[in-house]
Amino acid sequence: MVLNADSVDGVTVVLLPERINSSNNRAFEKDVAPFMEENRRLIFDLARVTQLDSSGLGSLVACLKHVRSAQGDLKLCGMSRQIRTLFELVRMHHVFDIYNNRQEAVDSYK
């Protein structure tokens, strides 16, 4: 799994893969780890994500805990309606800061 990232106004934006589930969540955590080690201000862009299960949600929560333990923050953006509904069903929208698009997420750091 190769993750693409951009830097926007000192914030690292990581474009997540189509699937984050039990079949690839370990690879996802391994591939995203360098971004979490190098950056305190992160945004995960979920625009491409079409499949997310409980293992994937667990991986996202683990990322959030890791970044916050290093005095950083992790925000999410670009969710499809389906993924947003999942976050609301399991009440994860109360755990994560979620924005409609990258620019809103980047602006939230200002």
PDB file of N, CA and C in Angstrom:
ATOM      1  N   MET A   1       0.852  -1.177   0.000  1.00  0.00           N
ATOM      2  CA  MET A   1       0.000   0.000   0.000  1.00  0.00           C
ATOM      3  C   MET A   1       0.891   1.230   0.000  1.00  0.00           C
ATOM      4  N   VAL A   2       0.675   2.101  -0.940  1.00  0.00           N
ATOM      5  CA  VAL A   2       1.433   3.339  -1.018  1.00  0.00           C
ATOM      6  C   VAL A   2       0.487   4.498  -0.719  1.00  0.00           C
ATOM      7  N   LEU A   3       0.849   5.304   0.262  1.00  0.00           N
ATOM      8  CA  LEU A   3       0.024   6.448   0.635  1.00  0.00           C
ATOM      9  C   LEU A   3       0.648   7.719   0.084  1.00  0.00           C
ATOM     10  N   ASN A   4      -0.179   8.569  -0.480  1.00  0.00           N
ATOM     11  CA  ASN A   4       0.274   9.850  -0.989  1.00  0.00           C
ATOM     12  C   ASN A   4      -0.017  10.928   0.043  1.00  0.00           C
ATOM     13  N   ALA A   5       0.921  11.874   0.161  1.00  0.00           N
ATOM     14  CA  ALA A   5       0.732  12.965   1.120  1.00  0.00           C
ATOM     15  C   ALA A   5       1.184  14.274   0.500  1.00  0.00           C
ATOM     16  N   ASP A   6       0.524  15.346   0.915  1.00  0.00           N
ATOM     17  CA  ASP A   6       0.871  16.705   0.513  1.00  0.00           C
ATOM     18  C   ASP A   6       1.051  17.537   1.770  1.00  0.00           C
ATOM     19  N   SER A   7       1.830  18.591   1.641  1.00  0.00           N
ATOM     20  CA  SER A   7       1.950  19.544   2.729  1.00  0.00           C
ATOM     21  C   SER A   7       1.258  20.831   2.308  1.00  0.00           C
ATOM     22  N   VAL A   8       0.318  21.271   3.135  1.00  0.00           N
ATOM     23  CA  VAL A   8      -0.449  22.485   2.843  1.00  0.00           C
ATOM     24  C   VAL A   8      -0.378  23.384   4.077  1.00  0.00           C
ATOM     25  N   ASP A   9       0.265  24.526   3.956  1.00  0.00           N
ATOM     26  CA  ASP A   9       0.392  25.474   5.063  1.00  0.00           C
ATOM     27  C   ASP A   9       0.920  24.818   6.339  1.00  0.00           C
ATOM     28  N   GLY A  10       1.911  23.938   6.199  1.00  0.00           N
ATOM     29  CA  GLY A  10       2.513  23.292   7.349  1.00  0.00           C
ATOM     30  C   GLY A  10       1.718  22.134   7.922  1.00  0.00           C
ATOM     31  N   VAL A  11       0.680  21.733   7.215  1.00  0.00           N
ATOM     32  CA  VAL A  11      -0.154  20.603   7.639  1.00  0.00           C
ATOM     33  C   VAL A  11       0.043  19.479   6.632  1.00  0.00           C
ATOM     34  N   THR A  12       0.239  18.253   7.114  1.00  0.00           N
ATOM     35  CA  THR A  12       0.397  17.112   6.226  1.00  0.00           C
ATOM     36  C   THR A  12      -0.953  16.458   5.977  1.00  0.00           C
ATOM     37  N   VAL A  13      -1.306  16.358   4.695  1.00  0.00           N
ATOM     38  CA  VAL A  13      -2.573  15.759   4.289  1.00  0.00           C
ATOM     39  C   VAL A  13      -2.260  14.419   3.621  1.00  0.00           C
ATOM     40  N   VAL A  14      -2.772  13.329   4.207  1.00  0.00           N
ATOM     41  CA  VAL A  14      -2.525  11.973   3.703  1.00  0.00           C
ATOM     42  C   VAL A  14      -3.808  11.471   3.041  1.00  0.00           C
ATOM     43  N   LEU A  15      -3.702  11.101   1.771  1.00  0.00           N
ATOM     44  CA  LEU A  15      -4.834  10.540   1.030  1.00  0.00           C
ATOM     45  C   LEU A  15      -4.896   9.045   1.322  1.00  0.00           C
ATOM     46  N   LEU A  16      -5.980   8.614   1.945  1.00  0.00           N
ATOM     47  CA  LEU A  16      -6.111   7.222   2.361  1.00  0.00           C
ATOM     48  C   LEU A  16      -6.570   6.333   1.204  1.00  0.00           C
ATOM     49  N   PRO A  17      -6.322   5.027   1.317  1.00  0.00           N
ATOM     50  CA  PRO A  17      -6.685   4.094   0.241  1.00  0.00           C
ATOM     51  C   PRO A  17      -8.190   3.817   0.204  1.00  0.00           C
ATOM     52  N   GLU A  18      -8.624   3.101  -0.829  1.00  0.00           N
ATOM     53  CA  GLU A  18     -10.045   2.786  -0.999  1.00  0.00           C
ATOM     54  C   GLU A  18     -10.583   1.928   0.126  1.00  0.00           C
ATOM     55  N   ARG A  19      -9.763   1.005   0.616  1.00  0.00           N
ATOM     56  CA  ARG A  19     -10.212   0.073   1.653  1.00  0.00           C
ATOM     57  C   ARG A  19      -9.324   0.178   2.885  1.00  0.00           C
ATOM     58  N   ILE A  20      -9.960   0.257   4.041  1.00  0.00           N
ATOM     59  CA  ILE A  20      -9.250   0.116   5.310  1.00  0.00           C
ATOM     60  C   ILE A  20     -10.111  -0.862   6.107  1.00  0.00           C
ATOM     61  N   ASN A  21      -9.695  -2.119   6.097  1.00  0.00           N
ATOM     62  CA  ASN A  21     -10.497  -3.157   6.739  1.00  0.00           C
ATOM     63  C   ASN A  21      -9.585  -4.245   7.299  1.00  0.00           C
ATOM     64  N   SER A  22     -10.193  -5.335   7.736  1.00  0.00           N
ATOM     65  CA  SER A  22      -9.421  -6.387   8.392  1.00  0.00           C
ATOM     66  C   SER A  22      -8.377  -7.019   7.481  1.00  0.00           C
ATOM     67  N   SER A  23      -8.558  -6.900   6.170  1.00  0.00           N
ATOM     68  CA  SER A  23      -7.580  -7.505   5.257  1.00  0.00           C
ATOM     69  C   SER A  23      -6.321  -6.653   5.084  1.00  0.00           C
ATOM     70  N   ASN A  24      -6.390  -5.358   5.415  1.00  0.00           N
ATOM     71  CA  ASN A  24      -5.214  -4.517   5.194  1.00  0.00           C
ATOM     72  C   ASN A  24      -4.923  -3.524   6.322  1.00  0.00           C
ATOM     73  N   ASN A  25      -5.627  -3.630   7.445  1.00  0.00           N
ATOM     74  CA  ASN A  25      -5.436  -2.599   8.470  1.00  0.00           C
ATOM     75  C   ASN A  25      -4.023  -2.601   9.056  1.00  0.00           C
ATOM     76  N   ARG A  26      -3.380  -3.746   9.151  1.00  0.00           N
ATOM     77  CA  ARG A  26      -2.001  -3.787   9.659  1.00  0.00           C
ATOM     78  C   ARG A  26      -1.046  -3.090   8.685  1.00  0.00           C
ATOM     79  N   ALA A  27      -1.211  -3.345   7.398  1.00  0.00           N
ATOM     80  CA  ALA A  27      -0.384  -2.684   6.380  1.00  0.00           C
ATOM     81  C   ALA A  27      -0.649  -1.181   6.403  1.00  0.00           C
ATOM     82  N   PHE A  28      -1.900  -0.794   6.581  1.00  0.00           N
ATOM     83  CA  PHE A  28      -2.242   0.624   6.659  1.00  0.00           C
ATOM     84  C   PHE A  28      -1.520   1.281   7.832  1.00  0.00           C
ATOM     85  N   GLU A  29      -1.595   0.671   8.999  1.00  0.00           N
ATOM     86  CA  GLU A  29      -0.944   1.240  10.180  1.00  0.00           C
ATOM     87  C   GLU A  29       0.564   1.365   9.978  1.00  0.00           C
ATOM     88  N   LYS A  30       1.158   0.371   9.348  1.00  0.00           N
ATOM     89  CA  LYS A  30       2.602   0.400   9.083  1.00  0.00           C
ATOM     90  C   LYS A  30       2.948   1.531   8.103  1.00  0.00           C
ATOM     91  N   ASP A  31       2.134   1.674   7.063  1.00  0.00           N
ATOM     92  CA  ASP A  31       2.432   2.677   6.036  1.00  0.00           C
ATOM     93  C   ASP A  31       2.163   4.105   6.502  1.00  0.00           C
ATOM     94  N   VAL A  32       1.242   4.279   7.417  1.00  0.00           N
ATOM     95  CA  VAL A  32       0.923   5.626   7.880  1.00  0.00           C
ATOM     96  C   VAL A  32       1.829   6.057   9.046  1.00  0.00           C
ATOM     97  N   ALA A  33       2.492   5.108   9.685  1.00  0.00           N
ATOM     98  CA  ALA A  33       3.338   5.412  10.849  1.00  0.00           C
ATOM     99  C   ALA A  33       4.387   6.504  10.589  1.00  0.00           C
ATOM    100  N   PRO A  34       5.111   6.477   9.459  1.00  0.00           N
ATOM    101  CA  PRO A  34       6.109   7.534   9.244  1.00  0.00           C
ATOM    102  C   PRO A  34       5.518   8.938   9.209  1.00  0.00           C
ATOM    103  N   PHE A  35       4.321   9.072   8.687  1.00  0.00           N
ATOM    104  CA  PHE A  35       3.675  10.395   8.655  1.00  0.00           C
ATOM    105  C   PHE A  35       3.350  10.868  10.064  1.00  0.00           C
ATOM    106  N   MET A  36       2.953   9.939  10.918  1.00  0.00           N
ATOM    107  CA  MET A  36       2.617  10.306  12.297  1.00  0.00           C
ATOM    108  C   MET A  36       3.862  10.642  13.107  1.00  0.00           C
ATOM    109  N   GLU A  37       4.984  10.010  12.784  1.00  0.00           N
ATOM    110  CA  GLU A  37       6.223  10.276  13.510  1.00  0.00           C
ATOM    111  C   GLU A  37       6.812  11.637  13.139  1.00  0.00           C
ATOM    112  N   GLU A  38       6.627  12.036  11.890  1.00  0.00           N
ATOM    113  CA  GLU A  38       7.279  13.243  11.385  1.00  0.00           C
ATOM    114  C   GLU A  38       6.426  14.500  11.498  1.00  0.00           C
ATOM    115  N   ASN A  39       5.123  14.356  11.779  1.00  0.00           N
ATOM    116  CA  ASN A  39       4.224  15.508  11.715  1.00  0.00           C
ATOM    117  C   ASN A  39       3.296  15.546  12.921  1.00  0.00           C
ATOM    118  N   ARG A  40       3.116  16.739  13.450  1.00  0.00           N
ATOM    119  CA  ARG A  40       2.201  16.908  14.583  1.00  0.00           C
ATOM    120  C   ARG A  40       0.831  17.401  14.135  1.00  0.00           C
ATOM    121  N   ARG A  41       0.750  17.904  12.923  1.00  0.00           N
ATOM    122  CA  ARG A  41      -0.525  18.401  12.398  1.00  0.00           C
ATOM    123  C   ARG A  41      -0.860  17.598  11.146  1.00  0.00           C
ATOM    124  N   LEU A  42      -1.819  16.681  11.306  1.00  0.00           N
ATOM    125  CA  LEU A  42      -2.164  15.752  10.233  1.00  0.00           C
ATOM    126  C   LEU A  42      -3.637  15.844   9.858  1.00  0.00           C
ATOM    127  N   ILE A  43      -3.884  15.569   8.598  1.00  0.00           N
ATOM    128  CA  ILE A  43      -5.240  15.407   8.095  1.00  0.00           C
ATOM    129  C   ILE A  43      -5.256  14.120   7.280  1.00  0.00           C
ATOM    130  N   PHE A  44      -6.222  13.267   7.549  1.00  0.00           N
ATOM    131  CA  PHE A  44      -6.452  12.090   6.719  1.00  0.00           C
ATOM    132  C   PHE A  44      -7.614  12.416   5.793  1.00  0.00           C
ATOM    133  N   ASP A  45      -7.350  12.386   4.496  1.00  0.00           N
ATOM    134  CA  ASP A  45      -8.368  12.643   3.473  1.00  0.00           C
ATOM    135  C   ASP A  45      -8.992  11.302   3.085  1.00  0.00           C
ATOM    136  N   LEU A  46     -10.269  11.146   3.362  1.00  0.00           N
ATOM    137  CA  LEU A  46     -10.969   9.890   3.113  1.00  0.00           C
ATOM    138  C   LEU A  46     -11.759   9.913   1.798  1.00  0.00           C
ATOM    139  N   ALA A  47     -11.429  10.807   0.894  1.00  0.00           N
ATOM    140  CA  ALA A  47     -12.191  10.958  -0.347  1.00  0.00           C
ATOM    141  C   ALA A  47     -12.266   9.675  -1.165  1.00  0.00           C
ATOM    142  N   ARG A  48     -11.219   8.857  -1.116  1.00  0.00           N
ATOM    143  CA  ARG A  48     -11.204   7.610  -1.902  1.00  0.00           C
ATOM    144  C   ARG A  48     -11.758   6.412  -1.148  1.00  0.00           C
ATOM    145  N   VAL A  49     -11.957   6.538   0.151  1.00  0.00           N
ATOM    146  CA  VAL A  49     -12.362   5.399   0.975  1.00  0.00           C
ATOM    147  C   VAL A  49     -13.802   4.994   0.658  1.00  0.00           C
ATOM    148  N   THR A  50     -13.963   3.730   0.251  1.00  0.00           N
ATOM    149  CA  THR A  50     -15.293   3.187  -0.025  1.00  0.00           C
ATOM    150  C   THR A  50     -15.629   2.031   0.906  1.00  0.00           C
ATOM    151  N   GLN A  51     -14.612   1.426   1.523  1.00  0.00           N
ATOM    152  CA  GLN A  51     -14.828   0.314   2.445  1.00  0.00           C
ATOM    153  C   GLN A  51     -14.084   0.584   3.746  1.00  0.00           C
ATOM    154  N   LEU A  52     -14.837   0.569   4.838  1.00  0.00           N
ATOM    155  CA  LEU A  52     -14.255   0.790   6.158  1.00  0.00           C
ATOM    156  C   LEU A  52     -15.031  -0.084   7.139  1.00  0.00           C
ATOM    157  N   ASP A  53     -14.327  -0.989   7.816  1.00  0.00           N
ATOM    158  CA  ASP A  53     -14.999  -1.844   8.791  1.00  0.00           C
ATOM    159  C   ASP A  53     -14.489  -1.517  10.194  1.00  0.00           C
ATOM    160  N   SER A  54     -14.886  -2.332  11.173  1.00  0.00           N
ATOM    161  CA  SER A  54     -14.503  -2.050  12.554  1.00  0.00           C
ATOM    162  C   SER A  54     -12.988  -2.093  12.751  1.00  0.00           C
ATOM    163  N   SER A  55     -12.294  -2.953  12.012  1.00  0.00           N
ATOM    164  CA  SER A  55     -10.823  -2.994  12.097  1.00  0.00           C
ATOM    165  C   SER A  55     -10.225  -1.696  11.566  1.00  0.00           C
ATOM    166  N   GLY A  56     -10.782  -1.198  10.472  1.00  0.00           N
ATOM    167  CA  GLY A  56     -10.329   0.072   9.910  1.00  0.00           C
ATOM    168  C   GLY A  56     -10.588   1.233  10.849  1.00  0.00           C
ATOM    169  N   LEU A  57     -11.770   1.247  11.455  1.00  0.00           N
ATOM    170  CA  LEU A  57     -12.072   2.286  12.441  1.00  0.00           C
ATOM    171  C   LEU A  57     -11.103   2.207  13.609  1.00  0.00           C
ATOM    172  N   GLY A  58     -10.803   0.993  14.036  1.00  0.00           N
ATOM    173  CA  GLY A  58      -9.839   0.811  15.121  1.00  0.00           C
ATOM    174  C   GLY A  58      -8.468   1.349  14.761  1.00  0.00           C
ATOM    175  N   SER A  59      -8.066   1.159  13.521  1.00  0.00           N
ATOM    176  CA  SER A  59      -6.779   1.685  13.060  1.00  0.00           C
ATOM    177  C   SER A  59      -6.774   3.213  13.082  1.00  0.00           C
ATOM    178  N   LEU A  60      -7.883   3.824  12.666  1.00  0.00           N
ATOM    179  CA  LEU A  60      -7.967   5.290  12.679  1.00  0.00           C
ATOM    180  C   LEU A  60      -7.915   5.819  14.116  1.00  0.00           C
ATOM    181  N   VAL A  61      -8.601   5.142  15.031  1.00  0.00           N
ATOM    182  CA  VAL A  61      -8.567   5.550  16.438  1.00  0.00           C
ATOM    183  C   VAL A  61      -7.156   5.391  17.000  1.00  0.00           C
ATOM    184  N   ALA A  62      -6.470   4.310  16.645  1.00  0.00           N
ATOM    185  CA  ALA A  62      -5.089   4.109  17.097  1.00  0.00           C
ATOM    186  C   ALA A  62      -4.188   5.229  16.584  1.00  0.00           C
ATOM    187  N   CYS A  63      -4.394   5.643  15.340  1.00  0.00           N
ATOM    188  CA  CYS A  63      -3.615   6.756  14.779  1.00  0.00           C
ATOM    189  C   CYS A  63      -3.880   8.036  15.561  1.00  0.00           C
ATOM    190  N   LEU A  64      -5.142   8.306  15.852  1.00  0.00           N
ATOM    191  CA  LEU A  64      -5.504   9.504  16.609  1.00  0.00           C
ATOM    192  C   LEU A  64      -4.831   9.496  17.980  1.00  0.00           C
ATOM    193  N   LYS A  65      -4.882   8.379  18.678  1.00  0.00           N
ATOM    194  CA  LYS A  65      -4.263   8.278  20.004  1.00  0.00           C
ATOM    195  C   LYS A  65      -2.760   8.494  19.918  1.00  0.00           C
ATOM    196  N   HIS A  66      -2.136   7.905  18.903  1.00  0.00           N
ATOM    197  CA  HIS A  66      -0.686   8.043  18.747  1.00  0.00           C
ATOM    198  C   HIS A  66      -0.293   9.504  18.518  1.00  0.00           C
ATOM    199  N   VAL A  67      -0.990  10.161  17.616  1.00  0.00           N
ATOM    200  CA  VAL A  67      -0.670  11.558  17.297  1.00  0.00           C
ATOM    201  C   VAL A  67      -0.914  12.450  18.510  1.00  0.00           C
ATOM    202  N   ARG A  68      -2.016  12.238  19.197  1.00  0.00           N
ATOM    203  CA  ARG A  68      -2.320  13.071  20.373  1.00  0.00           C
ATOM    204  C   ARG A  68      -1.336  12.820  21.509  1.00  0.00           C
ATOM    205  N   SER A  69      -0.829  11.598  21.632  1.00  0.00           N
ATOM    206  CA  SER A  69       0.150  11.314  22.691  1.00  0.00           C
ATOM    207  C   SER A  69       1.457  12.054  22.439  1.00  0.00           C
ATOM    208  N   ALA A  70       1.686  12.446  21.184  1.00  0.00           N
ATOM    209  CA  ALA A  70       2.877  13.218  20.826  1.00  0.00           C
ATOM    210  C   ALA A  70       2.556  14.715  20.756  1.00  0.00           C
ATOM    211  N   GLN A  71       1.466  15.115  21.407  1.00  0.00           N
ATOM    212  CA  GLN A  71       1.033  16.512  21.454  1.00  0.00           C
ATOM    213  C   GLN A  71       0.634  17.060  20.092  1.00  0.00           C
ATOM    214  N   GLY A  72       0.177  16.187  19.206  1.00  0.00           N
ATOM    215  CA  GLY A  72      -0.282  16.608  17.888  1.00  0.00           C
ATOM    216  C   GLY A  72      -1.780  16.445  17.762  1.00  0.00           C
ATOM    217  N   ASP A  73      -2.272  16.592  16.538  1.00  0.00           N
ATOM    218  CA  ASP A  73      -3.694  16.410  16.289  1.00  0.00           C
ATOM    219  C   ASP A  73      -3.899  15.798  14.910  1.00  0.00           C
ATOM    220  N   LEU A  74      -4.980  15.066  14.779  1.00  0.00           N
ATOM    221  CA  LEU A  74      -5.351  14.395  13.538  1.00  0.00           C
ATOM    222  C   LEU A  74      -6.796  14.731  13.236  1.00  0.00           C
ATOM    223  N   LYS A  75      -7.037  15.221  12.033  1.00  0.00           N
ATOM    224  CA  LYS A  75      -8.393  15.570  11.601  1.00  0.00           C
ATOM    225  C   LYS A  75      -8.715  14.796  10.337  1.00  0.00           C
ATOM    226  N   LEU A  76      -9.995  14.617  10.082  1.00  0.00           N
ATOM    227  CA  LEU A  76     -10.450  13.866   8.920  1.00  0.00           C
ATOM    228  C   LEU A  76     -11.237  14.775   7.983  1.00  0.00           C
ATOM    229  N   CYS A  77     -11.177  14.453   6.683  1.00  0.00           N
ATOM    230  CA  CYS A  77     -11.960  15.219   5.716  1.00  0.00           C
ATOM    231  C   CYS A  77     -12.317  14.344   4.522  1.00  0.00           C
ATOM    232  N   GLY A  78     -13.234  14.862   3.703  1.00  0.00           N
ATOM    233  CA  GLY A  78     -13.539  14.265   2.417  1.00  0.00           C
ATOM    234  C   GLY A  78     -14.335  12.978   2.444  1.00  0.00           C
ATOM    235  N   MET A  79     -15.063  12.718   3.520  1.00  0.00           N
ATOM    236  CA  MET A  79     -15.819  11.468   3.607  1.00  0.00           C
ATOM    237  C   MET A  79     -17.016  11.449   2.666  1.00  0.00           C
ATOM    238  N   SER A  80     -17.260  10.279   2.095  1.00  0.00           N
ATOM    239  CA  SER A  80     -18.498  10.094   1.340  1.00  0.00           C
ATOM    240  C   SER A  80     -19.656  10.059   2.336  1.00  0.00           C
ATOM    241  N   ARG A  81     -20.853  10.198   1.841  1.00  0.00           N
ATOM    242  CA  ARG A  81     -22.034  10.149   2.710  1.00  0.00           C
ATOM    243  C   ARG A  81     -22.106   8.795   3.446  1.00  0.00           C
ATOM    244  N   GLN A  82     -21.771   7.723   2.734  1.00  0.00           N
ATOM    245  CA  GLN A  82     -21.813   6.380   3.318  1.00  0.00           C
ATOM    246  C   GLN A  82     -20.836   6.253   4.493  1.00  0.00           C
ATOM    247  N   ILE A  83     -19.620   6.732   4.313  1.00  0.00           N
ATOM    248  CA  ILE A  83     -18.605   6.648   5.373  1.00  0.00           C
ATOM    249  C   ILE A  83     -18.984   7.564   6.532  1.00  0.00           C
ATOM    250  N   ARG A  84     -19.500   8.746   6.217  1.00  0.00           N
ATOM    251  CA  ARG A  84     -19.942   9.670   7.272  1.00  0.00           C
ATOM    252  C   ARG A  84     -21.069   9.041   8.108  1.00  0.00           C
ATOM    253  N   THR A  85     -21.983   8.354   7.452  1.00  0.00           N
ATOM    254  CA  THR A  85     -23.074   7.677   8.151  1.00  0.00           C
ATOM    255  C   THR A  85     -22.524   6.617   9.097  1.00  0.00           C
ATOM    256  N   LEU A  86     -21.519   5.863   8.646  1.00  0.00           N
ATOM    257  CA  LEU A  86     -20.883   4.867   9.503  1.00  0.00           C
ATOM    258  C   LEU A  86     -20.291   5.531  10.743  1.00  0.00           C
ATOM    259  N   PHE A  87     -19.572   6.636  10.564  1.00  0.00           N
ATOM    260  CA  PHE A  87     -18.982   7.352  11.698  1.00  0.00           C
ATOM    261  C   PHE A  87     -20.061   7.810  12.674  1.00  0.00           C
ATOM    262  N   GLU A  88     -21.196   8.249  12.151  1.00  0.00           N
ATOM    263  CA  GLU A  88     -22.280   8.702  13.014  1.00  0.00           C
ATOM    264  C   GLU A  88     -22.939   7.532  13.742  1.00  0.00           C
ATOM    265  N   LEU A  89     -23.107   6.395  13.056  1.00  0.00           N
ATOM    266  CA  LEU A  89     -23.721   5.218  13.677  1.00  0.00           C
ATOM    267  C   LEU A  89     -22.923   4.732  14.886  1.00  0.00           C
ATOM    268  N   VAL A  90     -21.616   4.749  14.765  1.00  0.00           N
ATOM    269  CA  VAL A  90     -20.772   4.263  15.863  1.00  0.00           C
ATOM    270  C   VAL A  90     -20.239   5.408  16.732  1.00  0.00           C
ATOM    271  N   ARG A  91     -20.798   6.590  16.507  1.00  0.00           N
ATOM    272  CA  ARG A  91     -20.520   7.790  17.302  1.00  0.00           C
ATOM    273  C   ARG A  91     -19.069   8.268  17.236  1.00  0.00           C
ATOM    274  N   MET A  92     -18.369   7.892  16.198  1.00  0.00           N
ATOM    275  CA  MET A  92     -16.987   8.333  16.010  1.00  0.00           C
ATOM    276  C   MET A  92     -16.916   9.803  15.592  1.00  0.00           C
ATOM    277  N   HIS A  93     -18.031  10.372  15.165  1.00  0.00           N
ATOM    278  CA  HIS A  93     -18.035  11.792  14.814  1.00  0.00           C
ATOM    279  C   HIS A  93     -17.867  12.661  16.063  1.00  0.00           C
ATOM    280  N   HIS A  94     -18.004  12.060  17.240  1.00  0.00           N
ATOM    281  CA  HIS A  94     -17.732  12.776  18.487  1.00  0.00           C
ATOM    282  C   HIS A  94     -16.273  12.641  18.904  1.00  0.00           C
ATOM    283  N   VAL A  95     -15.562  11.697  18.314  1.00  0.00           N
ATOM    284  CA  VAL A  95     -14.167  11.431  18.659  1.00  0.00           C
ATOM    285  C   VAL A  95     -13.224  12.215  17.750  1.00  0.00           C
ATOM    286  N   PHE A  96     -13.547  12.262  16.470  1.00  0.00           N
ATOM    287  CA  PHE A  96     -12.709  12.922  15.467  1.00  0.00           C
ATOM    288  C   PHE A  96     -13.262  14.283  15.090  1.00  0.00           C
ATOM    289  N   ASP A  97     -12.364  15.198  14.734  1.00  0.00           N
ATOM    290  CA  ASP A  97     -12.766  16.447  14.080  1.00  0.00           C
ATOM    291  C   ASP A  97     -12.900  16.121  12.601  1.00  0.00           C
ATOM    292  N   ILE A  98     -14.105  16.293  12.048  1.00  0.00           N
ATOM    293  CA  ILE A  98     -14.389  15.921  10.664  1.00  0.00           C
ATOM    294  C   ILE A  98     -14.796  17.156   9.876  1.00  0.00           C
ATOM    295  N   TYR A  99     -14.185  17.311   8.696  1.00  0.00           N
ATOM    296  CA  TYR A  99     -14.454  18.460   7.824  1.00  0.00           C
ATOM    297  C   TYR A  99     -14.885  17.977   6.450  1.00  0.00           C
ATOM    298  N   ASN A 100     -15.615  18.823   5.747  1.00  0.00           N
ATOM    299  CA  ASN A 100     -16.136  18.449   4.429  1.00  0.00           C
ATOM    300  C   ASN A 100     -15.040  18.284   3.393  1.00  0.00           C
ATOM    301  N   ASN A 101     -14.010  19.140   3.455  1.00  0.00           N
ATOM    302  CA  ASN A 101     -12.958  19.098   2.445  1.00  0.00           C
ATOM    303  C   ASN A 101     -11.609  19.470   3.060  1.00  0.00           C
ATOM    304  N   ARG A 102     -10.574  19.326   2.247  1.00  0.00           N
ATOM    305  CA  ARG A 102      -9.204  19.596   2.712  1.00  0.00           C
ATOM    306  C   ARG A 102      -9.035  21.023   3.212  1.00  0.00           C
ATOM    307  N   GLN A 103      -9.551  21.962   2.454  1.00  0.00           N
ATOM    308  CA  GLN A 103      -9.326  23.363   2.817  1.00  0.00           C
ATOM    309  C   GLN A 103      -9.929  23.697   4.186  1.00  0.00           C
ATOM    310  N   GLU A 104     -11.131  23.209   4.433  1.00  0.00           N
ATOM    311  CA  GLU A 104     -11.743  23.441   5.748  1.00  0.00           C
ATOM    312  C   GLU A 104     -10.887  22.820   6.862  1.00  0.00           C
ATOM    313  N   ALA A 105     -10.371  21.626   6.617  1.00  0.00           N
ATOM    314  CA  ALA A 105      -9.542  20.957   7.609  1.00  0.00           C
ATOM    315  C   ALA A 105      -8.237  21.716   7.845  1.00  0.00           C
ATOM    316  N   VAL A 106      -7.596  22.148   6.769  1.00  0.00           N
ATOM    317  CA  VAL A 106      -6.354  22.927   6.891  1.00  0.00           C
ATOM    318  C   VAL A 106      -6.625  24.227   7.639  1.00  0.00           C
ATOM    319  N   ASP A 107      -7.706  24.917   7.270  1.00  0.00           N
ATOM    320  CA  ASP A 107      -8.055  26.184   7.920  1.00  0.00           C
ATOM    321  C   ASP A 107      -8.310  26.008   9.424  1.00  0.00           C
ATOM    322  N   SER A 108      -8.766  24.835   9.816  1.00  0.00           N
ATOM    323  CA  SER A 108      -9.071  24.605  11.236  1.00  0.00           C
ATOM    324  C   SER A 108      -7.802  24.640  12.098  1.00  0.00           C
ATOM    325  N   TYR A 109      -6.647  24.468  11.492  1.00  0.00           N
ATOM    326  CA  TYR A 109      -5.384  24.531  12.230  1.00  0.00           C
ATOM    327  C   TYR A 109      -4.908  25.960  12.441  1.00  0.00           C
ATOM    328  N   LYS A 110      -5.517  26.912  11.768  1.00  0.00           N
ATOM    329  CA  LYS A 110      -5.066  28.313  11.898  1.00  0.00           C
ATOM    330  C   LYS A 110      -5.601  28.966  13.134  1.00  0.00           C
TER     331      LYS A 110
END
